[in-house]
Structure formats: C-alpha cells, structure tokens
N, C-alpha and C. Protein backbone atom coordinates (compact mmCIF):
# COMPACT_ATOMS: atom_id res chain seq x y z
N UNK A 1 -0.88 83.58 79.30
CA UNK A 1 -1.40 82.38 79.96
C UNK A 1 -2.58 81.84 79.14
N UNK A 2 -2.62 80.48 79.08
CA UNK A 2 -3.59 79.82 78.17
C UNK A 2 -4.91 79.70 78.87
N UNK A 3 -6.00 79.94 78.20
CA UNK A 3 -7.32 79.93 78.85
C UNK A 3 -7.66 78.48 79.16
N UNK A 4 -8.53 78.23 80.03
CA UNK A 4 -9.00 76.92 80.34
C UNK A 4 -9.74 76.34 79.17
N UNK A 5 -10.56 77.20 78.53
CA UNK A 5 -11.29 76.74 77.48
C UNK A 5 -10.41 76.12 76.23
N UNK A 6 -9.42 76.96 76.04
CA UNK A 6 -8.46 76.50 74.91
C UNK A 6 -7.73 75.23 75.35
N UNK A 7 -7.20 75.22 76.54
CA UNK A 7 -6.55 74.03 77.08
C UNK A 7 -7.46 72.69 76.91
N UNK A 8 -8.77 72.87 77.39
CA UNK A 8 -9.63 71.66 77.21
C UNK A 8 -9.84 71.37 75.83
N UNK A 9 -9.90 72.13 74.86
CA UNK A 9 -10.12 71.89 73.49
C UNK A 9 -8.83 71.11 72.90
N UNK A 10 -7.58 71.69 73.39
CA UNK A 10 -6.39 71.01 72.96
C UNK A 10 -6.27 69.62 73.53
N UNK A 11 -6.58 69.51 74.78
CA UNK A 11 -6.61 68.18 75.43
C UNK A 11 -7.53 67.15 74.78
N UNK A 12 -8.64 67.59 74.30
CA UNK A 12 -9.65 66.77 73.73
C UNK A 12 -9.10 66.30 72.33
N UNK A 13 -8.46 67.32 71.51
CA UNK A 13 -7.97 66.98 70.41
C UNK A 13 -6.68 65.89 70.45
N UNK A 14 -5.77 66.21 71.31
CA UNK A 14 -4.70 65.25 71.59
C UNK A 14 -5.35 63.86 71.91
N UNK A 15 -6.36 63.77 72.81
CA UNK A 15 -6.89 62.54 73.15
C UNK A 15 -7.45 61.81 72.09
N UNK A 16 -8.22 62.47 71.16
CA UNK A 16 -8.72 61.81 70.00
C UNK A 16 -7.60 61.32 69.04
N UNK A 17 -6.47 62.04 68.80
CA UNK A 17 -5.35 61.54 68.02
C UNK A 17 -4.89 60.22 68.76
N UNK A 18 -4.67 60.29 69.97
CA UNK A 18 -4.09 59.07 70.67
C UNK A 18 -5.07 57.95 70.52
N UNK A 19 -6.35 58.19 70.74
CA UNK A 19 -7.25 57.22 70.52
C UNK A 19 -7.31 56.50 69.17
N UNK A 20 -7.27 57.37 68.16
CA UNK A 20 -7.25 56.90 66.80
C UNK A 20 -6.05 56.10 66.45
N UNK A 21 -4.85 56.53 66.90
CA UNK A 21 -3.62 55.79 66.76
C UNK A 21 -3.60 54.39 67.41
N UNK A 22 -4.15 54.41 68.76
CA UNK A 22 -4.21 53.22 69.50
C UNK A 22 -5.19 52.29 68.88
N UNK A 23 -6.29 52.77 68.31
CA UNK A 23 -7.31 51.82 67.69
C UNK A 23 -6.85 51.30 66.36
N UNK A 24 -5.94 52.05 65.68
CA UNK A 24 -5.43 51.54 64.43
C UNK A 24 -4.44 50.46 64.62
N UNK A 25 -3.63 50.71 65.65
CA UNK A 25 -2.50 49.58 65.89
C UNK A 25 -3.15 48.39 66.54
N UNK A 26 -4.21 48.51 67.17
CA UNK A 26 -4.89 47.28 67.75
C UNK A 26 -5.49 46.44 66.57
N UNK A 27 -5.71 47.07 65.41
CA UNK A 27 -6.38 46.40 64.39
C UNK A 27 -5.27 45.75 63.27
N UNK A 28 -4.00 45.76 63.85
CA UNK A 28 -3.08 45.15 62.95
C UNK A 28 -2.23 46.29 62.13
N UNK A 29 -2.39 47.56 62.54
CA UNK A 29 -1.71 48.60 61.96
C UNK A 29 -2.56 49.51 61.15
N UNK A 30 -1.96 50.62 60.82
CA UNK A 30 -2.83 51.52 60.06
C UNK A 30 -3.34 50.99 58.79
N UNK A 31 -2.64 50.01 58.29
CA UNK A 31 -3.13 49.49 57.02
C UNK A 31 -4.47 48.50 57.09
N UNK A 32 -4.64 48.14 58.33
CA UNK A 32 -5.85 47.25 58.63
C UNK A 32 -5.92 46.16 57.77
N UNK A 33 -4.83 45.39 57.61
CA UNK A 33 -4.88 44.10 56.77
C UNK A 33 -4.67 44.37 55.35
N UNK A 34 -4.35 45.59 54.98
CA UNK A 34 -4.09 45.86 53.53
C UNK A 34 -2.58 45.84 53.21
N UNK A 35 -1.73 45.62 54.07
CA UNK A 35 -0.37 45.47 53.89
C UNK A 35 0.02 44.61 52.65
N UNK A 36 -0.53 43.48 52.65
CA UNK A 36 -0.34 42.44 51.68
C UNK A 36 -0.79 42.86 50.25
N UNK A 37 -1.75 43.75 50.29
CA UNK A 37 -2.26 44.17 48.97
C UNK A 37 -1.71 45.55 48.57
N UNK A 38 -0.85 46.01 49.26
CA UNK A 38 -0.35 47.48 48.85
C UNK A 38 0.20 47.41 47.39
N UNK A 39 0.75 46.35 46.86
CA UNK A 39 1.27 46.30 45.54
C UNK A 39 0.29 45.90 44.46
N UNK A 40 -0.98 45.48 44.89
CA UNK A 40 -1.89 45.13 43.91
C UNK A 40 -2.66 46.41 43.39
N UNK A 41 -3.04 46.14 42.19
CA UNK A 41 -3.97 47.28 41.62
C UNK A 41 -5.22 47.48 42.40
N UNK A 42 -5.88 48.43 42.32
CA UNK A 42 -7.19 48.67 43.04
C UNK A 42 -8.17 47.57 42.63
N UNK A 43 -8.19 47.32 41.39
CA UNK A 43 -9.19 46.08 40.91
C UNK A 43 -8.74 44.77 41.47
N UNK A 44 -7.58 44.36 41.43
CA UNK A 44 -7.09 43.18 41.84
C UNK A 44 -7.31 43.15 43.47
N UNK A 45 -7.04 44.16 44.13
CA UNK A 45 -7.19 44.20 45.64
C UNK A 45 -8.69 43.99 45.97
N UNK A 46 -9.52 44.62 45.19
CA UNK A 46 -11.00 44.50 45.46
C UNK A 46 -11.40 43.02 45.18
N UNK A 47 -11.00 42.42 44.11
CA UNK A 47 -11.40 41.08 43.92
C UNK A 47 -10.86 40.16 44.93
N UNK A 48 -9.56 40.45 45.36
CA UNK A 48 -8.94 39.52 46.38
C UNK A 48 -9.84 39.55 47.80
N UNK A 49 -10.18 40.77 48.03
CA UNK A 49 -10.92 41.12 49.30
C UNK A 49 -12.26 40.47 49.19
N UNK A 50 -12.93 40.44 48.08
CA UNK A 50 -14.27 40.00 47.89
C UNK A 50 -14.35 38.44 47.68
N UNK A 51 -13.25 37.82 47.08
CA UNK A 51 -13.35 36.44 46.63
C UNK A 51 -12.28 35.63 47.31
N UNK A 52 -11.23 36.13 47.83
CA UNK A 52 -10.11 35.30 48.24
C UNK A 52 -9.76 35.38 49.67
N UNK A 53 -10.12 36.56 50.35
CA UNK A 53 -9.62 36.93 51.65
C UNK A 53 -10.31 35.85 52.70
N UNK A 54 -11.49 35.37 52.50
CA UNK A 54 -12.05 34.47 53.53
C UNK A 54 -11.27 33.20 53.72
N UNK A 55 -10.55 32.71 52.71
CA UNK A 55 -9.85 31.34 52.86
C UNK A 55 -8.37 31.76 52.89
N UNK A 56 -7.76 32.78 52.18
CA UNK A 56 -6.39 33.05 52.12
C UNK A 56 -5.90 34.04 53.11
N UNK A 57 -6.78 34.81 53.82
CA UNK A 57 -6.39 35.72 54.82
C UNK A 57 -5.93 37.17 54.25
N UNK A 58 -6.00 38.14 55.34
CA UNK A 58 -5.64 39.54 54.84
C UNK A 58 -4.17 39.73 54.67
N UNK A 59 -3.32 38.79 55.00
CA UNK A 59 -1.97 38.86 54.81
C UNK A 59 -1.37 37.70 53.93
N UNK A 60 -2.35 37.13 53.18
CA UNK A 60 -1.94 35.91 52.36
C UNK A 60 -1.60 34.86 53.07
N UNK A 61 -1.80 34.69 54.45
CA UNK A 61 -1.40 33.70 55.33
C UNK A 61 -1.99 32.46 55.30
N UNK A 62 -3.12 32.36 54.71
CA UNK A 62 -3.90 31.10 54.66
C UNK A 62 -4.59 30.98 55.87
N UNK A 63 -5.91 30.58 55.71
CA UNK A 63 -6.82 30.41 56.85
C UNK A 63 -7.35 29.08 56.95
N UNK A 64 -7.00 28.21 55.98
CA UNK A 64 -7.63 26.90 55.94
C UNK A 64 -6.53 25.85 55.75
N UNK A 65 -5.47 26.15 56.57
CA UNK A 65 -4.35 25.15 56.48
C UNK A 65 -3.18 25.78 55.64
N UNK A 66 -2.13 25.10 55.64
CA UNK A 66 -0.85 25.54 54.99
C UNK A 66 -1.17 25.67 53.49
N UNK A 67 -2.02 24.79 52.86
CA UNK A 67 -2.22 24.72 51.57
C UNK A 67 -2.87 26.18 50.89
N UNK A 68 -3.46 26.83 51.84
CA UNK A 68 -4.02 28.18 51.48
C UNK A 68 -3.14 29.40 51.69
N UNK A 69 -1.95 29.14 52.08
CA UNK A 69 -0.79 30.23 52.38
C UNK A 69 -0.38 30.70 51.02
N UNK A 70 -0.54 31.90 50.60
CA UNK A 70 -0.20 32.40 49.37
C UNK A 70 1.01 33.44 49.40
N UNK A 71 1.58 33.54 50.69
CA UNK A 71 2.76 34.46 50.79
C UNK A 71 3.98 34.20 49.89
N UNK A 72 4.14 32.96 49.38
CA UNK A 72 5.24 32.69 48.56
C UNK A 72 4.84 31.81 47.42
N UNK A 73 3.53 32.06 46.93
CA UNK A 73 2.90 31.10 45.98
C UNK A 73 3.69 31.16 44.65
N UNK A 74 4.39 32.34 44.25
CA UNK A 74 4.99 32.45 43.09
C UNK A 74 6.25 31.67 42.91
N UNK A 75 6.81 31.23 44.19
CA UNK A 75 7.91 30.30 44.25
C UNK A 75 7.51 28.91 43.95
N UNK A 76 6.22 28.55 44.24
CA UNK A 76 5.78 27.19 43.99
C UNK A 76 5.07 26.83 42.60
N UNK A 77 4.40 28.01 42.21
CA UNK A 77 3.58 27.88 40.98
C UNK A 77 4.04 29.01 39.96
N UNK A 78 3.87 28.69 38.76
CA UNK A 78 3.96 29.67 37.62
C UNK A 78 2.69 30.49 37.55
N UNK A 79 2.81 31.63 36.91
CA UNK A 79 1.65 32.48 36.70
C UNK A 79 0.46 31.75 35.98
N UNK A 80 0.91 30.98 34.96
CA UNK A 80 -0.04 30.22 34.31
C UNK A 80 -0.82 29.15 35.20
N UNK A 81 0.16 28.45 36.09
CA UNK A 81 -0.55 27.47 36.99
C UNK A 81 -1.53 28.13 37.98
N UNK A 82 -1.13 29.32 38.41
CA UNK A 82 -1.90 30.12 39.34
C UNK A 82 -3.30 30.51 38.67
N UNK A 83 -3.29 31.02 37.42
CA UNK A 83 -4.39 31.40 36.74
C UNK A 83 -5.40 30.18 36.47
N UNK A 84 -4.76 28.97 36.10
CA UNK A 84 -5.54 27.82 35.87
C UNK A 84 -6.20 27.38 37.18
N UNK A 85 -5.49 27.49 38.31
CA UNK A 85 -6.19 27.05 39.67
C UNK A 85 -7.32 27.97 39.94
N UNK A 86 -7.17 29.34 39.72
CA UNK A 86 -8.12 30.38 39.98
C UNK A 86 -9.38 29.90 39.12
N UNK A 87 -9.09 29.73 37.89
CA UNK A 87 -10.21 29.50 36.90
C UNK A 87 -10.91 28.24 37.12
N UNK A 88 -10.09 27.08 37.30
CA UNK A 88 -10.68 25.63 37.34
C UNK A 88 -10.76 25.16 38.79
N UNK A 89 -10.30 25.63 39.69
CA UNK A 89 -10.15 25.19 41.09
C UNK A 89 -9.10 24.05 41.11
N UNK A 90 -8.90 23.53 42.36
CA UNK A 90 -7.85 22.46 42.66
C UNK A 90 -8.35 21.18 42.50
N UNK A 91 -7.70 20.17 42.05
CA UNK A 91 -8.10 18.83 41.94
C UNK A 91 -8.61 18.19 43.28
N UNK A 92 -8.08 18.59 44.38
CA UNK A 92 -8.69 18.15 45.76
C UNK A 92 -9.96 18.73 46.12
N UNK A 93 -10.35 19.73 45.43
CA UNK A 93 -11.58 20.44 45.70
C UNK A 93 -11.53 21.45 46.83
N UNK A 94 -10.32 21.61 47.41
CA UNK A 94 -10.13 22.63 48.43
C UNK A 94 -10.32 24.02 47.80
N UNK A 95 -9.79 24.23 46.68
CA UNK A 95 -9.93 25.52 46.03
C UNK A 95 -11.17 25.45 45.02
N UNK A 96 -12.08 26.26 45.20
CA UNK A 96 -13.20 26.30 44.29
C UNK A 96 -12.82 26.99 42.84
N UNK A 97 -13.54 26.72 41.97
CA UNK A 97 -13.28 27.23 40.58
C UNK A 97 -14.04 28.62 40.43
N UNK A 98 -13.27 29.64 39.90
CA UNK A 98 -13.89 31.06 39.86
C UNK A 98 -14.07 31.26 38.26
N UNK A 99 -13.76 30.38 37.45
CA UNK A 99 -13.87 30.70 35.95
C UNK A 99 -15.29 31.23 35.52
N UNK A 100 -16.32 30.87 36.21
CA UNK A 100 -17.66 31.35 35.77
C UNK A 100 -18.07 32.62 36.59
N UNK A 101 -17.13 33.09 37.38
CA UNK A 101 -17.48 34.18 38.27
C UNK A 101 -16.61 35.42 38.05
N UNK A 102 -15.41 35.17 37.42
CA UNK A 102 -14.33 36.32 37.19
C UNK A 102 -14.02 36.29 35.64
N UNK A 103 -13.78 37.50 35.13
CA UNK A 103 -13.39 37.43 33.72
C UNK A 103 -11.97 37.06 33.72
N UNK A 104 -11.59 36.63 32.33
CA UNK A 104 -10.11 36.29 32.13
C UNK A 104 -9.14 37.35 32.51
N UNK A 105 -9.55 38.60 32.37
CA UNK A 105 -8.73 39.82 32.78
C UNK A 105 -8.59 39.82 34.26
N UNK A 106 -9.63 39.65 34.99
CA UNK A 106 -9.58 39.58 36.51
C UNK A 106 -8.76 38.48 36.99
N UNK A 107 -8.90 37.22 36.24
CA UNK A 107 -8.11 36.06 36.65
C UNK A 107 -6.54 36.34 36.46
N UNK A 108 -6.34 36.87 35.13
CA UNK A 108 -4.91 37.35 34.79
C UNK A 108 -4.30 38.30 35.83
N UNK A 109 -5.06 39.29 36.31
CA UNK A 109 -4.67 40.23 37.28
C UNK A 109 -4.22 39.62 38.56
N UNK A 110 -5.12 38.79 39.02
CA UNK A 110 -4.87 37.95 40.33
C UNK A 110 -3.54 37.18 40.06
N UNK A 111 -3.52 36.31 39.08
CA UNK A 111 -2.43 35.40 38.80
C UNK A 111 -1.12 36.12 38.66
N UNK A 112 -1.05 37.41 37.97
CA UNK A 112 0.07 38.15 37.77
C UNK A 112 0.63 38.59 39.14
N UNK A 113 -0.27 39.03 40.01
CA UNK A 113 0.06 39.74 41.12
C UNK A 113 0.60 38.63 42.12
N UNK A 114 -0.08 37.55 42.14
CA UNK A 114 0.24 36.41 43.14
C UNK A 114 1.54 35.72 42.58
N UNK A 115 1.86 35.72 41.32
CA UNK A 115 3.07 35.11 40.81
C UNK A 115 4.34 35.88 41.36
N UNK A 116 4.11 37.18 41.67
CA UNK A 116 5.23 38.01 42.28
C UNK A 116 5.48 37.65 43.69
N UNK A 117 4.71 37.00 44.37
CA UNK A 117 4.89 36.44 45.76
C UNK A 117 5.89 35.33 45.83
N UNK A 118 7.20 35.71 46.13
CA UNK A 118 8.15 34.77 46.25
C UNK A 118 8.79 34.85 47.67
C-alpha cells in the first residue's frame, strides 16, 4: 500500500507537469513563438527577435499590415532584394534601414534565411 506522503508528493509532481504543459500550450505551443525561427541559425534568430519581431511577428505573419508578412517573402523577392531592403529600407518608408545597425554578414544571414521562405 502506498503511503499518504508518497501519494501527495506524486500528485503534486503530476499537477506541476500538467500546469507546465497547459501554460506552454496557452502561449502558442512549447516553442513559444519560435516555430518560425527553428531553421534559422542562433545568430540570425537573435537578430530577428531583437530587430524584426516587433513589426514582422513571431511567426513572420506581419504585424503592421500585409506588406510586413514574411512567411513567403522568398517567393516575392530575391535574396539580393531582401538584403537591399534590410540594408536600405523600403522606398515607402514602412521598412526602416538597418545598414548602419547591422553588419553585412548579419544582413546576409537574415536575407539568406528569409529567401528560403516560399
């Protein structure tokens, strides 16, 4: 027969696991918005999260209108075009220029990763 103390400890552990899983699913899954970044390098993911996420969203869905949706940006723009837009910004001013804030390697990493989004 199982003691009351062991049963209580087991019940608490099960409760904590259920609570953790419930909390994770309420936040959009265990990835917590990182699903779109799963195929990015750590450096590219960090840059995206710090510089791009506020306008483009955690799932690349765009947060400032359809123009900011990057889920299939590689089907619309070449890698060179994407790098240019990151570096110089957009002509309409919606996308700010990051050429003075990011290195060419960082821009190339973002552009290469985004160009794969088709």
